[in-house]
Protein backbone atom coordinates (compact mmCIF):
# COMPACT_ATOMS: atom_id res chain seq x y z
CA MET A 1 -44.10 44.52 -11.38
CA LYS A 2 -44.60 48.32 -11.34
CA SER A 3 -42.83 50.29 -14.05
CA LYS A 4 -40.29 52.98 -13.19
CA ASN A 5 -42.63 55.67 -14.55
CA TYR A 6 -45.48 54.45 -12.34
CA LEU A 7 -43.22 54.43 -9.27
CA TYR A 8 -42.05 57.95 -10.08
CA GLU A 9 -45.62 59.25 -10.43
CA GLU A 10 -46.76 57.49 -7.25
CA ASN A 11 -43.84 58.96 -5.28
CA LYS A 12 -44.59 62.43 -6.67
CA ILE A 13 -48.26 62.13 -5.60
CA ASN A 14 -47.39 60.84 -2.14
CA ASN A 15 -44.98 63.71 -1.51
CA ARG A 16 -47.41 66.41 -2.61
CA LYS A 17 -49.59 68.15 -0.05
CA ILE A 18 -53.32 67.54 -0.38
CA LYS A 19 -55.07 70.82 -1.14
CA VAL A 20 -58.17 71.36 0.97
CA LEU A 21 -60.62 74.22 0.45
CA SER A 22 -62.63 74.73 3.66
CA ILE A 23 -65.70 76.92 3.13
CA ILE A 24 -67.91 78.51 5.78
CA SER A 25 -70.77 80.95 5.15
CA ARG A 26 -69.64 83.31 7.89
CA MET A 27 -67.44 83.38 10.99
CA ASN A 28 -70.15 84.34 13.44
CA ILE A 29 -70.04 83.29 17.09
CA GLY A 30 -71.10 79.68 17.38
CA GLY A 31 -70.15 76.06 17.05
CA THR A 32 -69.49 76.12 13.29
CA ALA A 33 -66.63 78.63 13.48
CA ILE A 34 -65.15 76.81 16.50
CA HIS A 35 -65.36 73.47 14.69
CA VAL A 36 -63.74 74.77 11.47
CA HIS A 37 -60.94 76.49 13.41
CA SER A 38 -60.25 73.35 15.47
CA LEU A 39 -60.08 71.24 12.33
CA ILE A 40 -57.86 73.40 10.14
CA SER A 41 -55.50 74.37 12.97
CA GLY A 42 -55.00 70.69 13.79
CA LEU A 43 -54.46 69.30 10.27
CA ASP A 44 -50.93 68.03 9.60
CA SER A 45 -49.28 70.88 7.68
CA ASN A 46 -46.83 68.40 6.14
CA LYS A 47 -49.71 66.58 4.45
CA PHE A 48 -52.39 69.23 3.93
CA ASP A 49 -52.43 72.71 2.43
CA THR A 50 -55.65 74.43 3.56
CA THR A 51 -57.33 77.54 2.21
CA ILE A 52 -60.37 79.02 3.95
CA VAL A 53 -63.20 80.74 2.09
CA SER A 54 -65.67 82.76 4.13
CA GLY A 55 -68.58 85.12 3.67
CA THR A 56 -69.47 88.04 5.92
CA ILE A 57 -71.53 88.31 9.09
CA SER A 58 -74.55 90.53 9.65
CA SER A 59 -74.44 93.58 11.94
CA GLN A 60 -76.48 91.70 14.57
CA GLU A 61 -74.05 88.76 14.87
CA GLY A 62 -70.99 88.38 17.05
CA ASP A 63 -67.71 88.04 15.16
CA MET A 64 -65.42 85.06 15.70
CA SER A 65 -62.92 85.82 12.93
CA TYR A 66 -60.31 86.55 15.64
CA LEU A 67 -59.90 82.77 15.96
CA PHE A 68 -58.47 82.68 12.43
CA LYS A 69 -55.92 85.47 12.93
CA SER A 70 -52.96 83.15 12.33
CA PHE A 71 -54.53 82.00 9.05
CA LYS A 72 -54.97 85.53 7.67
CA LYS A 73 -52.91 84.84 4.53
CA LYS A 74 -54.95 81.72 3.82
CA ILE A 75 -58.41 83.29 4.09
CA LEU A 76 -60.35 84.40 1.02
CA VAL A 77 -63.39 86.55 1.81
CA ILE A 78 -66.37 86.67 -0.53
CA PRO A 79 -68.58 89.56 0.71
CA GLU A 80 -71.52 88.30 -1.37
CA LEU A 81 -71.52 84.92 0.42
CA GLN A 82 -74.16 85.69 3.02
CA ARG A 83 -76.76 83.82 5.02
CA GLU A 84 -79.75 85.42 3.26
CA ILE A 85 -80.91 84.26 -0.18
CA ASN A 86 -80.16 86.99 -2.72
CA LEU A 87 -80.12 86.09 -6.42
CA LYS A 88 -77.59 88.74 -7.42
CA ASN A 89 -75.19 87.97 -4.56
CA ASP A 90 -75.59 84.23 -5.05
CA ILE A 91 -74.68 84.47 -8.75
CA ILE A 92 -71.61 86.60 -7.91
CA THR A 93 -70.63 84.07 -5.22
CA PHE A 94 -70.95 81.24 -7.76
CA ILE A 95 -68.67 83.03 -10.26
CA LYS A 96 -66.08 83.92 -7.61
CA ILE A 97 -66.01 80.34 -6.30
CA LEU A 98 -65.46 79.00 -9.82
CA LYS A 99 -62.51 81.37 -10.21
CA ILE A 100 -61.08 80.19 -6.88
CA LEU A 101 -61.46 76.55 -7.94
CA TYR A 102 -59.61 77.21 -11.22
CA ARG A 103 -56.87 79.14 -9.41
CA LYS A 104 -56.37 76.91 -6.38
CA LYS A 105 -57.17 73.55 -7.99
CA PRO A 106 -58.10 71.89 -4.66
CA ASP A 107 -58.24 68.13 -4.21
CA ILE A 108 -60.99 68.33 -1.59
CA VAL A 109 -63.68 70.92 -0.87
CA ASN A 110 -65.26 70.76 2.59
CA THR A 111 -68.34 72.97 2.99
CA HIS A 112 -69.94 73.97 6.28
CA THR A 113 -73.48 75.29 6.86
CA SER A 114 -76.44 75.10 4.49
CA LYS A 115 -75.83 78.22 2.38
CA ALA A 116 -72.17 77.53 1.69
CA GLY A 117 -72.99 73.87 1.13
CA LEU A 118 -75.46 74.69 -1.63
CA SER A 119 -73.64 77.49 -3.47
CA ILE A 120 -70.22 75.90 -3.44
CA ARG A 121 -71.24 72.35 -4.30
CA ILE A 122 -73.08 73.65 -7.38
CA ALA A 123 -69.87 75.42 -8.42
CA VAL A 124 -67.82 72.25 -7.84
CA PHE A 125 -70.34 70.25 -9.87
CA PHE A 126 -69.83 72.56 -12.88
CA TYR A 127 -66.05 72.58 -12.40
CA ASN A 128 -65.92 68.79 -12.38
CA PHE A 129 -67.52 68.69 -15.84
CA ILE A 130 -64.45 70.29 -17.35
CA LYS A 131 -61.50 69.68 -15.05
CA LYS A 132 -60.32 66.81 -12.86
CA LYS A 133 -62.74 65.66 -10.19
CA ILE A 134 -62.69 67.52 -6.89
CA CYS A 135 -63.85 65.44 -3.91
CA THR A 136 -66.62 67.12 -1.92
CA VAL A 137 -67.46 66.82 1.76
CA HIS A 138 -70.38 68.65 3.34
CA THR A 139 -70.69 68.98 7.12
CA PHE A 140 -74.13 69.44 8.68
CA HIS A 141 -73.96 71.71 11.73
CA GLY A 142 -77.69 71.24 12.24
CA HIS A 143 -80.14 71.68 9.37
CA ILE A 144 -82.97 73.94 8.19
CA PHE A 145 -85.48 71.16 7.52
CA GLU A 146 -87.48 71.75 10.71
CA GLY A 147 -88.40 74.83 12.73
CA TYR A 148 -87.23 77.48 10.28
CA PHE A 149 -89.84 77.54 7.52
CA GLY A 150 -93.31 76.29 6.64
CA LYS A 151 -93.99 72.77 5.34
CA ILE A 152 -93.74 73.59 1.60
CA LYS A 153 -90.50 75.57 1.89
CA SER A 154 -88.95 72.97 4.20
CA MET A 155 -89.80 70.22 1.69
CA LEU A 156 -88.18 72.28 -1.08
CA PHE A 157 -84.92 72.51 0.89
CA ILE A 158 -85.03 68.78 1.68
CA ASN A 159 -85.39 67.93 -2.03
CA ILE A 160 -82.57 70.34 -2.95
CA GLU A 161 -80.33 68.67 -0.37
CA ARG A 162 -81.23 65.21 -1.68
CA LEU A 163 -80.19 66.36 -5.14
CA MET A 164 -76.95 67.92 -3.88
CA ALA A 165 -76.11 64.74 -1.99
CA LYS A 166 -75.85 62.88 -5.31
CA CYS A 167 -72.83 65.00 -6.25
CA THR A 168 -71.26 64.91 -2.77
CA ASP A 169 -68.71 62.25 -1.90
CA ASN A 170 -69.34 62.29 1.84
CA ILE A 171 -71.74 64.04 4.19
CA ILE A 172 -70.72 64.54 7.82
CA ALA A 173 -73.26 64.30 10.63
CA LEU A 174 -71.98 65.50 14.00
CA SER A 175 -74.11 63.13 16.09
CA GLU A 176 -75.65 59.68 15.78
CA SER A 177 -79.15 61.13 16.04
CA GLN A 178 -78.44 63.59 13.26
CA GLN A 179 -77.01 60.84 11.06
CA LYS A 180 -80.08 58.68 11.62
CA ARG A 181 -82.50 61.53 10.84
CA LEU A 182 -80.63 62.58 7.71
CA VAL A 183 -80.66 59.02 6.40
CA GLU A 184 -83.98 57.62 7.64
CA LYS A 185 -86.29 60.61 7.99
CA PHE A 186 -85.05 63.06 5.37
CA LYS A 187 -83.48 60.43 3.05
CA ILE A 188 -80.51 62.65 2.21
CA GLY A 189 -78.23 59.71 1.56
CA SER A 190 -77.21 56.21 2.65
CA MET A 191 -75.38 55.33 5.86
CA LYS A 192 -72.34 54.71 3.69
CA LYS A 193 -72.38 58.29 2.38
CA VAL A 194 -73.50 60.03 5.59
CA LYS A 195 -70.60 59.58 8.01
CA HIS A 196 -70.88 60.16 11.74
CA ILE A 197 -67.92 62.23 12.97
CA LYS A 198 -68.39 64.02 16.28
CA LEU A 199 -67.39 67.61 17.01
CA GLY A 200 -64.00 68.25 18.53
CA PHE A 201 -62.23 71.33 19.87
CA ASN A 202 -59.85 72.59 22.52
CA LEU A 203 -61.58 71.88 25.84
CA LYS A 204 -58.72 72.94 28.14
CA PRO A 205 -60.11 76.43 28.94
CA PHE A 206 -63.38 74.85 30.09
CA LEU A 207 -61.85 71.89 31.92
CA ASN A 208 -59.85 74.43 33.96
CA SER A 209 -62.57 77.09 34.24
CA ASN A 210 -62.78 76.72 38.03
CA LEU A 211 -59.65 78.91 38.16
CA LEU A 212 -61.80 81.82 36.92
CA LYS A 213 -64.55 81.48 39.50
CA GLY A 214 -66.11 84.73 40.68
CA GLN A 215 -65.18 86.97 37.73
CA PHE A 216 -68.48 86.72 35.83
CA ARG A 217 -70.59 87.12 38.97
CA LYS A 218 -68.56 90.20 39.89
CA HIS A 219 -69.18 91.60 36.40
CA LEU A 220 -72.93 90.99 36.82
CA GLN A 221 -72.88 92.19 40.46
CA ILE A 222 -74.30 88.86 41.68
CA ASP A 223 -73.14 87.27 44.96
CA ASN A 224 -72.05 83.66 45.38
CA ASP A 225 -75.23 82.67 47.24
CA THR A 226 -77.46 83.43 44.25
CA LEU A 227 -78.47 80.58 41.94
CA LEU A 228 -77.28 81.57 38.45
CA ILE A 229 -79.04 79.98 35.47
CA GLY A 230 -77.79 80.84 31.98
CA ILE A 231 -78.59 80.32 28.32
CA VAL A 232 -75.93 80.81 25.64
CA GLY A 233 -76.52 81.44 21.94
CA ARG A 234 -77.69 83.73 19.18
CA LEU A 235 -80.88 85.63 19.98
CA VAL A 236 -82.85 84.22 17.07
CA TYR A 237 -86.23 82.53 16.75
CA ILE A 238 -84.91 78.95 16.54
CA LYS A 239 -83.21 79.25 19.97
CA ASN A 240 -86.64 79.87 21.55
CA HIS A 241 -85.58 82.33 24.28
CA ILE A 242 -89.26 83.10 24.88
CA MET A 243 -89.58 79.64 26.42
CA PHE A 244 -86.57 80.33 28.64
CA ILE A 245 -88.14 83.59 29.86
CA ASP A 246 -91.53 81.92 30.42
CA ALA A 247 -89.91 79.09 32.37
CA ALA A 248 -88.01 81.66 34.48
CA LYS A 249 -91.27 83.45 35.26
CA ILE A 250 -92.92 80.19 36.39
CA PHE A 251 -89.90 79.19 38.48
CA LEU A 252 -89.82 82.59 40.20
CA ALA A 253 -93.55 82.44 40.95
CA ASN A 254 -93.23 78.93 42.42
CA HIS A 255 -90.10 79.73 44.46
CA PRO A 256 -90.22 83.32 45.76
CA GLU A 257 -87.86 82.29 48.56
CA VAL A 258 -85.02 81.31 46.19
CA LYS A 259 -82.30 83.86 45.37
CA VAL A 260 -81.93 83.37 41.61
CA ASN A 261 -80.85 85.26 38.52
CA PHE A 262 -81.18 84.26 34.87
CA VAL A 263 -78.58 85.45 32.36
CA ILE A 264 -78.97 85.49 28.59
CA VAL A 265 -75.53 85.37 26.95
CA GLY A 266 -75.52 86.35 23.29
CA ASP A 267 -76.95 88.83 20.85
CA GLY A 268 -79.03 88.89 17.69
CA ASP A 269 -82.07 90.15 15.82
CA MET A 270 -84.48 89.38 18.65
CA ARG A 271 -82.68 91.14 21.50
CA CYS A 272 -84.85 94.26 21.51
CA GLY A 273 -88.05 92.20 21.40
CA LEU A 274 -86.86 89.87 24.17
CA GLU A 275 -85.91 92.79 26.41
CA LYS A 276 -89.39 94.25 25.90
CA TYR A 277 -90.93 90.86 26.67
CA CYS A 278 -88.99 90.71 29.96
CA LYS A 279 -90.10 94.23 30.84
CA TYR A 280 -93.73 93.39 30.02
CA ASN A 281 -93.52 90.39 32.40
CA LYS A 282 -91.77 92.51 35.08
CA LEU A 283 -88.67 90.33 35.02
CA GLU A 284 -85.99 93.04 34.51
CA LYS A 285 -84.58 92.52 38.02
CA HIS A 286 -84.21 88.77 37.50
CA ILE A 287 -83.13 88.38 33.85
CA ILE A 288 -79.86 89.92 32.64
CA PHE A 289 -78.82 90.37 29.00
CA SER A 290 -75.02 90.19 29.00
CA GLY A 291 -74.40 90.34 25.24
CA TRP A 292 -71.55 88.30 23.78
CA ILE A 293 -68.72 87.31 26.11
CA LYS A 294 -65.45 86.55 24.30
CA ASN A 295 -63.97 84.34 27.02
CA MET A 296 -66.78 81.85 27.58
CA SER A 297 -64.86 79.84 30.18
CA VAL A 298 -65.35 82.85 32.51
CA VAL A 299 -69.13 82.47 32.07
CA TYR A 300 -69.26 78.72 32.71
CA ALA A 301 -67.04 79.10 35.77
CA ASP A 302 -69.90 80.88 37.56
CA LEU A 303 -73.03 79.25 36.13
CA ASP A 304 -74.89 76.77 38.32
CA LEU A 305 -77.03 75.56 35.45
CA LEU A 306 -77.00 75.89 31.66
CA ALA A 307 -80.34 75.87 29.82
CA LEU A 308 -81.03 75.20 26.16
CA THR A 309 -84.56 75.75 24.81
CA SER A 310 -84.05 75.43 21.04
CA THR A 311 -86.64 73.98 18.69
CA ASN A 312 -83.90 72.68 16.36
CA GLU A 313 -80.20 71.96 16.96
CA GLY A 314 -77.28 70.03 15.60
CA THR A 315 -74.77 69.30 18.35
CA PRO A 316 -74.83 72.34 20.67
CA VAL A 317 -71.32 73.48 21.55
CA SER A 318 -72.67 75.33 24.60
CA ILE A 319 -73.68 72.02 26.20
CA ILE A 320 -70.26 70.46 25.53
CA GLU A 321 -68.50 73.51 26.98
CA ALA A 322 -70.75 73.51 30.05
CA MET A 323 -70.18 69.79 30.66
CA ALA A 324 -66.42 70.33 30.48
CA ALA A 325 -66.81 73.09 33.07
CA SER A 326 -68.93 70.85 35.36
CA VAL A 327 -72.14 72.86 34.92
CA ALA A 328 -75.52 71.11 35.25
CA ILE A 329 -77.56 70.87 32.01
CA ILE A 330 -81.26 71.14 31.21
CA ALA A 331 -82.24 71.11 27.54
CA THR A 332 -85.02 70.44 25.06
CA ASP A 333 -84.96 67.11 23.24
CA VAL A 334 -83.89 68.29 19.78
CA GLY A 335 -81.20 67.29 17.27
CA GLY A 336 -78.12 65.73 18.84
CA VAL A 337 -78.92 66.88 22.40
CA HIS A 338 -80.05 63.40 23.43
CA ASP A 339 -76.68 61.98 22.34
CA LEU A 340 -74.91 64.48 24.59
CA LEU A 341 -77.08 63.88 27.66
CA GLY A 342 -76.89 60.11 27.35
CA TYR A 343 -78.99 57.21 28.56
CA ALA A 344 -82.47 58.16 29.79
CA HIS A 345 -82.94 56.19 32.99
CA GLU A 346 -85.75 57.95 34.83
CA LYS A 347 -89.06 59.62 33.93
CA VAL A 348 -90.07 62.16 36.53
CA LYS A 349 -93.64 63.35 36.97
CA TYR A 350 -93.29 66.71 38.62
CA PRO A 351 -96.24 66.97 37.60
CA TYR A 352 -95.11 67.24 33.99
CA ASP A 353 -92.95 64.52 32.44
CA PHE A 354 -89.27 65.26 31.96
CA THR A 355 -86.40 62.82 31.65
CA VAL A 356 -83.38 62.47 33.91
CA CYS A 357 -80.49 61.27 31.76
CA ASP A 358 -76.96 60.18 32.61
CA ARG A 359 -75.56 63.65 31.98
CA GLY A 360 -78.47 66.08 32.22
CA ILE A 361 -82.21 66.76 32.19
CA LEU A 362 -84.20 66.43 28.96
CA CYS A 363 -87.50 68.28 28.36
CA LYS A 364 -90.06 68.71 25.62
CA THR A 365 -89.90 71.71 23.32
CA ASN A 366 -92.31 74.60 23.86
CA ASP A 367 -93.29 73.47 27.36
CA PRO A 368 -92.08 76.14 29.83
CA SER A 369 -93.99 74.55 32.72
CA GLN A 370 -92.12 71.28 32.30
CA PHE A 371 -88.86 73.18 31.91
CA ALA A 372 -89.54 75.12 35.13
CA ASP A 373 -90.16 71.82 36.92
CA GLY A 374 -86.85 70.54 35.57
CA LEU A 375 -85.15 73.62 36.98
CA THR A 376 -86.78 72.91 40.36
CA TYR A 377 -85.63 69.28 40.23
CA ILE A 378 -82.00 70.29 39.70
CA ALA A 379 -82.13 73.12 42.26
CA GLU A 380 -83.48 70.77 44.96
CA GLU A 381 -81.52 67.66 44.01
CA ASP A 382 -79.17 66.00 46.49
CA ASN A 383 -75.62 67.29 45.85
CA HIS A 384 -74.12 63.80 45.85
CA ILE A 385 -76.43 62.60 43.06
CA LYS A 386 -75.92 65.83 41.14
CA ASN A 387 -72.13 65.49 41.37
CA ILE A 388 -72.28 61.93 40.00
CA ARG A 389 -74.06 63.27 36.90
CA LEU A 390 -71.61 66.19 36.58
CA ASN A 391 -68.61 63.85 36.80
CA LYS A 392 -70.09 61.54 34.15
CA ALA A 393 -70.60 64.52 31.85
CA TYR A 394 -67.08 65.82 32.48
CA ASP A 395 -65.46 62.45 31.74
CA TYR A 396 -67.63 61.92 28.65
CA VAL A 397 -66.81 65.19 26.87
CA LYS A 398 -63.13 65.03 27.80
CA LYS A 399 -62.87 61.62 26.16
CA THR A 400 -65.23 62.16 23.21
CA TYR A 401 -64.94 65.76 21.97
CA SER A 402 -61.22 66.47 21.86
CA GLN A 403 -59.60 68.36 19.00
CA GLU A 404 -57.13 65.50 18.47
CA ARG A 405 -59.92 63.00 17.87
CA LEU A 406 -61.68 65.28 15.37
CA VAL A 407 -58.49 65.94 13.42
CA ASN A 408 -57.56 62.23 13.26
CA ASP A 409 -61.04 61.30 12.02
CA MET A 410 -61.12 64.01 9.35
CA GLN A 411 -57.54 63.41 8.18
CA SER A 412 -58.39 59.74 7.69
CA LEU A 413 -61.45 60.69 5.64
CA TYR A 414 -59.54 63.22 3.51
CA LEU A 415 -56.72 60.76 2.82
CA LYS A 416 -59.14 58.01 1.84
CA LEU A 417 -61.04 60.31 -0.55
CA TYR A 418 -57.84 61.64 -2.08
CA HIS A 419 -56.22 58.24 -2.69
CA ASN A 420 -59.47 56.81 -4.10
CA ASN A 421 -59.57 59.72 -6.53
CA ILE A 422 -56.02 59.61 -7.95
């Protein structure tokens, strides 16, 4: 029989809010900021007390901190926590994080993105030597093991992550493919440690985006009869916009009779170079750089087709948003893209191989000719068949990527970690 003291302590623990420290390198435009906002805004405030720690964005990145406006009093900004490796800034970040840990005394620390994941988990490791154990969760929103660096540097980061995994309670992979690669290819941890928890966020603006039809085209001065093909994301090397431009050039050469425009939504370090590349290829009249658009549901409302040409991805939010808005998808077969597009049921020789999946078209990386053929396939496809695929995609994301599902999954994980640790 439990003693009165034990019952008192248990009741005190059960009535106390679980302190969660959610850490993100920066609140730049992209899936990571959306994911973190969806999670913390959905957590049960009667059970969880959340503090957000964030670094700063670069001048070339779009800012998504407006999402966290209602959490202003719960956000701690560390200016030195930045994407780039800088010994001085990284040491300052480490010291500031230790101070936050001592002051806040969190039960759980959840890190997001590679840089935050490394710096903060090292700080937690040192803290746990002296104080009570803090449970750590690291969420992979993609990884830097492929496509970013050379072989030696990539191997260094893989080995660092393997080491960090030993002092991490749980690692979150956002797709089944990512989970499998982290465990089997990169050997970051076991299936027991690497959990598969899908993205989740508020899809309502995209599910109802048809109400905004015509606004984006009017902004771009494009009529409704023009085929509009878009790509959404940071203008950085890993997103491979050069392939998108090359595929556009091939498509235009093969189909001079088609009224078509290509729009690049986003901004970043490579914008100037990409604009020059378009000018060099005499594509200025066909390819539009729109910059960042705050209300993305306006964009998807008018796109006929969303393209993704990345050489490395986690689970691309742009594809999920486009599916919710009933926009056709063509993408390279990287990261968790295959999980989003579903069962591959047809190989098309056109003359290059590409794969028709349940919810979109899948192509090889760095093959603009194949990508252009995929664009042709979608442009010429029977509307009835195309609509079947669009409806499958719509139903899939509505069911699978809701904010409610994400919050329930993460709350269950947090509660399990907390109660196993007390």
